[in-house]
């Protein structure tokens, strides 16, 4: 086994520095020195719910440098800059994997943390740590010119909005609304605008209007203003709902035009919606999570070519508790990234 250092949960909302074991390299594995790791809302939820005894080291959107390779690795070399997302393995044989949608693997993909390793059934531990060992197929070489700090959140937040944008054919002919301007939402705005869509932000208050326009939105709607919402009825081909808390979907479905789609990206709980709300205008309700290998690689190339990257605030990993507490208060614009180099001391 290999040993590294990282931030492991000791109970709900508690992390402490600990020695973490990584597996010896399998033939198709690479070892990655983790340089930067994004802080995701799902990390916050996992820590809030953690009671043990299963180990928990959060972190599933990270960049780093390859430091060692297995004997069968062919696409990566020691010294290559890479990015890894929230999926580190899949069955590779089911219909979804055959389509390049490893995120929908019928046997469920192996998650970067709190997942079950397909070979030895061990529990995966994440990238709030200095080293991670991963299959070559799920480590993506960073394209030239793509900043590794900014690239880290692309591996979860970025690809979560990128896949539906591509699947729904977003382009210059499309009217897109983004509900919520947080970690997911701000990337949805940037990517939709970069694809040429006419983009609108829907937020609870006026406070983020200037940011919305800076990020590329042409318009802004205050969801608490019933008149603004009424005027926007049936105005959008696609509404990307990035809100992570429980909320009423029907008021956003009213904004969807004929044959349009309301795509739920932020909330993972149960939702209730009368079927008649979908019937009125042949509207569709969709959901998406993470991305397959092909779409993930495409996103990295697109961002390198266009310069679209998330807005990040970088903190040393020793300030992870502060980052999580501020994330809980929504005190970030728009994604925290941890610098893991302080674990060398």
Protein backbone atom coordinates (compact mmCIF):
# COMPACT_ATOMS: atom_id res chain seq x y z
CA UNK A 1 0.00 0.00 0.00
CA UNK A 2 0.98 3.64 -0.51
CA UNK A 3 0.54 6.24 2.21
CA UNK A 4 -0.39 9.89 1.82
CA UNK A 5 -1.88 12.67 3.96
CA UNK A 6 -5.36 14.13 3.79
CA UNK A 7 -8.42 15.46 5.58
CA UNK A 8 -10.59 12.64 6.94
CA UNK A 9 -13.98 13.00 8.62
CA UNK A 10 -14.15 12.09 12.30
CA UNK A 11 -17.87 12.75 12.64
CA UNK A 12 -20.56 15.08 11.29
CA UNK A 13 -18.92 18.29 10.01
CA UNK A 14 -15.54 17.39 11.50
CA UNK A 15 -12.29 16.83 9.61
CA UNK A 16 -8.81 16.12 10.88
CA UNK A 17 -5.45 15.55 9.22
CA UNK A 18 -4.74 11.83 8.89
CA UNK A 19 -2.58 9.26 7.13
CA UNK A 20 -4.50 7.76 4.20
CA UNK A 21 -3.67 4.52 2.43
CA UNK A 22 -3.80 4.25 -1.34
CA UNK A 23 -3.66 0.96 -3.21
CA UNK A 24 -0.51 -0.21 -4.93
CA UNK A 25 -0.75 0.56 -8.62
CA UNK A 26 -2.64 -1.93 -10.75
CA UNK A 27 -1.44 -2.33 -14.34
CA UNK A 28 -3.80 0.38 -15.68
CA UNK A 29 -3.48 2.79 -12.74
CA UNK A 30 -1.78 6.15 -12.41
CA UNK A 31 -0.78 7.90 -9.20
CA UNK A 32 -1.62 11.60 -9.14
CA UNK A 33 -0.12 14.22 -6.83
CA UNK A 34 -3.20 16.28 -6.05
CA UNK A 35 -2.50 19.98 -6.45
CA UNK A 36 -6.00 21.53 -6.40
CA UNK A 37 -9.39 20.18 -5.35
CA UNK A 38 -12.75 21.91 -5.65
CA UNK A 39 -15.21 22.07 -2.77
CA UNK A 40 -18.65 20.87 -3.79
CA UNK A 41 -22.07 21.10 -2.10
CA UNK A 42 -22.14 17.30 -2.11
CA UNK A 43 -19.00 17.34 0.08
CA UNK A 44 -20.92 19.47 2.54
CA UNK A 45 -23.85 17.04 2.52
CA UNK A 46 -21.61 14.00 2.92
CA UNK A 47 -19.87 15.53 5.93
CA UNK A 48 -23.17 16.59 7.48
CA UNK A 49 -24.48 13.03 7.25
CA UNK A 50 -21.29 11.22 8.25
CA UNK A 51 -21.60 9.08 11.36
CA UNK A 52 -19.08 6.32 10.51
CA UNK A 53 -17.70 3.74 10.63
CA UNK A 54 -16.97 3.89 6.89
CA UNK A 55 -14.03 6.19 6.15
CA UNK A 56 -14.81 9.53 4.52
CA UNK A 57 -12.30 11.74 2.76
CA UNK A 58 -14.24 14.19 0.54
CA UNK A 59 -13.12 15.71 -2.73
CA UNK A 60 -14.11 14.64 -6.25
CA UNK A 61 -13.08 17.41 -8.65
CA UNK A 62 -9.33 17.80 -8.76
CA UNK A 63 -6.23 18.43 -10.82
CA UNK A 64 -2.68 17.32 -10.29
CA UNK A 65 0.41 15.75 -11.84
CA UNK A 66 1.07 12.11 -12.68
CA UNK A 67 3.86 10.79 -10.46
CA UNK A 68 3.76 7.05 -11.23
CA UNK A 69 2.15 4.76 -13.82
CA UNK A 70 1.18 1.11 -14.07
CA UNK A 71 2.86 -1.23 -16.52
CA UNK A 72 -0.06 -1.13 -19.00
CA UNK A 73 -0.58 2.64 -19.05
CA UNK A 74 -0.12 4.09 -22.53
CA UNK A 75 -1.88 7.46 -22.74
CA UNK A 76 -0.23 9.24 -19.80
CA UNK A 77 3.34 9.79 -18.69
CA UNK A 78 4.98 10.80 -15.44
CA UNK A 79 4.82 14.59 -15.23
CA UNK A 80 1.60 14.99 -17.22
CA UNK A 81 -0.96 17.43 -15.79
CA UNK A 82 -4.32 15.69 -15.34
CA UNK A 83 -7.84 16.22 -14.04
CA UNK A 84 -10.11 13.70 -12.31
CA UNK A 85 -13.83 13.98 -11.64
CA UNK A 86 -16.39 12.25 -9.44
CA UNK A 87 -16.29 8.93 -11.33
CA UNK A 88 -13.20 6.73 -11.22
CA UNK A 89 -14.49 3.47 -12.69
CA UNK A 90 -17.48 1.75 -14.30
CA UNK A 91 -18.32 -1.74 -15.51
CA UNK A 92 -17.28 -0.85 -19.07
CA UNK A 93 -19.67 -3.45 -20.51
CA UNK A 94 -23.28 -2.30 -20.06
CA UNK A 95 -25.30 -0.41 -22.65
CA UNK A 96 -24.60 2.96 -21.05
CA UNK A 97 -20.85 2.37 -20.85
CA UNK A 98 -20.89 1.26 -24.50
CA UNK A 99 -22.49 4.63 -25.35
CA UNK A 100 -19.78 6.52 -23.46
CA UNK A 101 -22.17 7.36 -20.60
CA UNK A 102 -20.18 5.82 -17.78
CA UNK A 103 -21.98 8.20 -15.40
CA UNK A 104 -25.14 6.12 -15.99
CA UNK A 105 -23.44 2.70 -15.68
CA UNK A 106 -26.07 0.01 -15.02
CA UNK A 107 -23.89 -1.40 -12.24
CA UNK A 108 -23.46 2.14 -10.86
CA UNK A 109 -20.16 3.95 -11.41
CA UNK A 110 -17.45 3.85 -8.77
CA UNK A 111 -17.41 7.26 -7.11
CA UNK A 112 -14.23 9.10 -6.23
CA UNK A 113 -15.12 8.93 -2.57
CA UNK A 114 -17.57 6.80 -0.59
CA UNK A 115 -17.72 4.46 -3.56
CA UNK A 116 -17.03 0.74 -3.67
CA UNK A 117 -13.93 -0.39 -5.53
CA UNK A 118 -14.87 -2.93 -8.21
CA UNK A 119 -11.85 -5.15 -7.52
CA UNK A 120 -11.41 -5.39 -3.76
CA UNK A 121 -14.67 -3.82 -2.41
CA UNK A 122 -12.75 -1.22 -0.42
CA UNK A 123 -14.33 2.19 0.17
CA UNK A 124 -12.84 4.92 -1.99
CA UNK A 125 -11.46 8.01 -0.26
CA UNK A 126 -11.36 11.35 -2.02
CA UNK A 127 -9.01 14.11 -3.04
CA UNK A 128 -8.84 16.30 0.05
CA UNK A 129 -5.45 14.57 0.10
CA UNK A 130 -2.02 14.82 -1.46
CA UNK A 131 -2.20 11.69 -3.63
CA UNK A 132 -4.90 9.77 -5.47
CA UNK A 133 -4.63 6.50 -7.39
CA UNK A 134 -7.01 6.13 -10.32
CA UNK A 135 -7.54 4.10 -13.48
CA UNK A 136 -5.84 5.67 -16.48
CA UNK A 137 -9.17 5.82 -18.35
CA UNK A 138 -10.66 8.20 -15.78
CA UNK A 139 -7.72 10.62 -15.61
CA UNK A 140 -7.89 13.32 -18.29
CA UNK A 141 -4.80 15.06 -19.56
CA UNK A 142 -5.23 18.81 -19.16
CA UNK A 143 -5.14 20.58 -22.54
CA UNK A 144 -2.43 23.16 -22.98
CA UNK A 145 -3.45 26.58 -21.72
CA UNK A 146 -6.07 25.37 -19.25
CA UNK A 147 -5.24 26.61 -15.76
CA UNK A 148 -5.20 23.66 -13.30
CA UNK A 149 -6.68 25.79 -10.51
CA UNK A 150 -9.71 26.78 -12.54
CA UNK A 151 -10.00 23.38 -14.21
CA UNK A 152 -10.70 21.52 -10.96
CA UNK A 153 -14.40 22.55 -10.64
CA UNK A 154 -14.97 21.71 -14.30
CA UNK A 155 -14.70 18.04 -13.34
CA UNK A 156 -17.97 18.05 -11.40
CA UNK A 157 -19.85 21.35 -11.58
CA UNK A 158 -18.70 21.99 -15.14
CA UNK A 159 -19.53 18.64 -16.70
CA UNK A 160 -22.83 18.44 -14.78
CA UNK A 161 -24.11 21.44 -16.76
CA UNK A 162 -22.13 20.69 -19.94
CA UNK A 163 -23.73 17.31 -20.67
CA UNK A 164 -27.33 18.57 -20.75
CA UNK A 165 -26.31 21.66 -22.71
CA UNK A 166 -24.84 19.39 -25.38
CA UNK A 167 -27.60 16.78 -25.21
CA UNK A 168 -30.26 19.48 -25.69
CA UNK A 169 -28.42 21.01 -28.64
CA UNK A 170 -27.86 24.43 -27.11
CA UNK A 171 -26.67 27.01 -29.64
CA UNK A 172 -27.37 30.41 -31.13
CA UNK A 173 -30.99 29.47 -31.78
CA UNK A 174 -31.69 28.63 -28.11
CA UNK A 175 -33.20 30.68 -25.30
CA UNK A 176 -31.77 29.43 -22.01
CA UNK A 177 -32.67 30.40 -18.45
CA UNK A 178 -30.45 29.47 -15.50
CA UNK A 179 -32.14 29.28 -12.12
CA UNK A 180 -29.71 30.02 -9.29
CA UNK A 181 -26.32 31.68 -9.64
CA UNK A 182 -23.98 29.55 -7.55
CA UNK A 183 -21.26 27.01 -8.28
CA UNK A 184 -23.33 25.18 -10.90
CA UNK A 185 -25.32 28.17 -12.10
CA UNK A 186 -22.46 30.51 -12.88
CA UNK A 187 -20.83 27.82 -15.04
CA UNK A 188 -24.15 27.13 -16.75
CA UNK A 189 -24.35 30.82 -17.68
CA UNK A 190 -20.79 30.97 -18.97
CA UNK A 191 -21.07 27.78 -21.00
CA UNK A 192 -24.52 28.53 -22.44
CA UNK A 193 -23.37 32.00 -23.48
CA UNK A 194 -20.17 30.60 -25.00
CA UNK A 195 -22.30 28.19 -27.06
CA UNK A 196 -24.18 31.20 -28.42
CA UNK A 197 -27.45 30.88 -26.51
CA UNK A 198 -29.49 33.89 -25.46
CA UNK A 199 -29.08 33.48 -21.71
CA UNK A 200 -31.11 34.74 -18.74
CA UNK A 201 -30.42 34.34 -15.02
CA UNK A 202 -33.27 33.82 -12.56
CA UNK A 203 -32.38 34.68 -8.97
CA UNK A 204 -34.29 35.40 -5.77
CA UNK A 205 -33.05 38.97 -5.42
CA UNK A 206 -31.39 41.78 -7.38
CA UNK A 207 -28.07 41.18 -5.67
CA UNK A 208 -26.47 39.16 -8.46
CA UNK A 209 -27.73 41.12 -11.47
CA UNK A 210 -24.34 42.71 -12.18
CA UNK A 211 -22.59 39.34 -11.85
CA UNK A 212 -25.10 37.71 -14.19
CA UNK A 213 -24.31 40.21 -16.93
CA UNK A 214 -20.57 39.95 -16.29
CA UNK A 215 -20.78 36.17 -16.70
CA UNK A 216 -22.52 36.51 -20.05
CA UNK A 217 -26.27 36.71 -19.38
CA UNK A 218 -28.32 39.11 -21.50
CA UNK A 219 -31.23 39.34 -19.06
CA UNK A 220 -32.06 38.89 -15.37
CA UNK A 221 -35.32 37.95 -13.64
CA UNK A 222 -36.07 38.25 -9.92
CA UNK A 223 -38.04 35.14 -9.03
CA UNK A 224 -39.65 36.83 -6.03
CA UNK A 225 -41.25 39.37 -8.39
CA UNK A 226 -44.48 37.73 -9.58
CA UNK A 227 -44.92 40.24 -12.41
CA UNK A 228 -41.46 39.55 -13.85
CA UNK A 229 -42.16 35.81 -13.66
CA UNK A 230 -45.55 36.25 -15.34
CA UNK A 231 -44.04 38.23 -18.20
CA UNK A 232 -41.43 35.51 -18.72
CA UNK A 233 -44.00 32.71 -19.09
CA UNK A 234 -43.19 30.29 -21.94
CA UNK A 235 -40.12 32.34 -22.88
CA UNK A 236 -37.38 29.69 -22.78
CA UNK A 237 -36.48 26.60 -24.75
CA UNK A 238 -34.44 25.28 -21.84
CA UNK A 239 -34.51 26.11 -18.15
CA UNK A 240 -31.53 24.81 -16.19
CA UNK A 241 -32.51 24.58 -12.51
CA UNK A 242 -29.32 24.55 -10.42
CA UNK A 243 -30.90 25.16 -6.99
CA UNK A 244 -29.66 22.57 -4.47
CA UNK A 245 -32.42 22.99 -1.84
CA UNK A 246 -36.02 21.68 -2.06
CA UNK A 247 -38.24 24.07 -4.03
CA UNK A 248 -41.34 24.28 -6.21
CA UNK A 249 -40.55 23.22 -9.77
CA UNK A 250 -43.94 24.17 -11.22
CA UNK A 251 -43.23 27.91 -11.22
CA UNK A 252 -40.14 27.32 -13.37
CA UNK A 253 -41.93 24.87 -15.63
CA UNK A 254 -44.31 27.73 -16.47
CA UNK A 255 -41.35 29.52 -18.05
CA UNK A 256 -40.69 26.68 -20.50
CA UNK A 257 -41.89 27.20 -24.08
CA UNK A 258 -43.66 24.70 -26.31
CA UNK A 259 -41.63 21.47 -26.57
CA UNK A 260 -39.07 22.91 -24.15
CA UNK A 261 -37.28 21.29 -21.23
CA UNK A 262 -36.87 21.97 -17.53
CA UNK A 263 -33.59 20.31 -16.55
CA UNK A 264 -33.07 19.72 -12.83
CA UNK A 265 -29.36 19.75 -11.99
CA UNK A 266 -28.97 20.92 -8.41
CA UNK A 267 -31.51 19.11 -6.24
CA UNK A 268 -31.20 15.34 -5.76
CA UNK A 269 -34.25 14.68 -3.57
CA UNK A 270 -37.83 13.76 -4.37
CA UNK A 271 -39.97 16.13 -6.44
CA UNK A 272 -43.72 16.27 -7.00
CA UNK A 273 -45.20 17.67 -10.17
CA UNK A 274 -48.67 17.17 -11.70
CA UNK A 275 -48.48 15.50 -15.10
CA UNK A 276 -50.92 18.10 -16.39
CA UNK A 277 -48.18 20.71 -15.92
CA UNK A 278 -46.14 18.78 -18.49
CA UNK A 279 -49.08 18.28 -20.83
CA UNK A 280 -49.71 22.00 -21.16
CA UNK A 281 -47.25 22.76 -23.92
CA UNK A 282 -45.62 19.34 -24.43
CA UNK A 283 -43.02 20.25 -21.86
CA UNK A 284 -40.31 17.87 -20.69
CA UNK A 285 -38.76 17.37 -17.28
CA UNK A 286 -35.19 16.13 -17.30
CA UNK A 287 -32.28 15.57 -14.95
CA UNK A 288 -28.58 15.02 -15.35
CA UNK A 289 -25.57 14.29 -13.22
CA UNK A 290 -21.85 14.28 -13.91
CA UNK A 291 -20.72 13.23 -17.37
CA UNK A 292 -19.33 10.42 -19.46
CA UNK A 293 -15.70 10.22 -20.45
CA UNK A 294 -16.23 11.62 -23.94
CA UNK A 295 -18.20 14.64 -22.79
CA UNK A 296 -15.73 15.32 -19.99
CA UNK A 297 -12.80 15.38 -22.39
CA UNK A 298 -14.82 17.57 -24.79
CA UNK A 299 -15.56 20.07 -22.02
CA UNK A 300 -11.88 20.40 -21.13
CA UNK A 301 -11.00 21.06 -24.78
CA UNK A 302 -13.84 23.57 -25.15
CA UNK A 303 -12.75 25.49 -22.08
CA UNK A 304 -9.13 25.51 -23.20
CA UNK A 305 -10.18 26.84 -26.62
CA UNK A 306 -12.66 29.46 -25.39
CA UNK A 307 -11.14 30.52 -22.07
CA UNK A 308 -14.35 29.68 -20.21
CA UNK A 309 -13.42 28.76 -16.64
CA UNK A 310 -15.18 29.03 -13.27
CA UNK A 311 -14.74 31.92 -10.88
CA UNK A 312 -12.74 30.46 -8.00
CA UNK A 313 -11.40 31.44 -4.60
CA UNK A 314 -8.30 29.47 -3.65
CA UNK A 315 -7.63 28.54 -0.02
CA UNK A 316 -4.92 26.38 1.56
CA UNK A 317 -6.34 23.01 2.54
CA UNK A 318 -5.75 23.89 6.20
CA UNK A 319 -8.71 26.27 5.80
CA UNK A 320 -11.08 23.55 4.60
CA UNK A 321 -13.36 23.98 7.63
CA UNK A 322 -13.73 27.68 6.88
CA UNK A 323 -14.45 26.94 3.22
CA UNK A 324 -17.18 24.47 4.13
CA UNK A 325 -18.73 26.84 6.66
CA UNK A 326 -18.77 29.68 4.14
CA UNK A 327 -20.18 27.39 1.48
CA UNK A 328 -22.99 26.51 3.87
CA UNK A 329 -23.75 30.26 4.12
CA UNK A 330 -23.44 30.67 0.33
CA UNK A 331 -20.54 33.03 0.98
CA UNK A 332 -18.53 32.23 -2.14
CA UNK A 333 -18.46 33.53 -5.69
CA UNK A 334 -18.48 30.97 -7.04
CA UNK A 335 -16.37 27.92 -6.23
CA UNK A 336 -13.79 27.21 -3.53
CA UNK A 337 -10.64 25.39 -4.58
CA UNK A 338 -8.27 23.91 -2.01
CA UNK A 339 -4.51 24.13 -2.55
CA UNK A 340 -3.14 20.82 -1.24
CA UNK A 341 0.52 21.85 -1.32
CA UNK A 342 0.37 22.77 2.37
CA UNK A 343 0.19 19.04 3.15
CA UNK A 344 3.88 18.75 2.28
CA UNK A 345 4.93 20.55 5.45
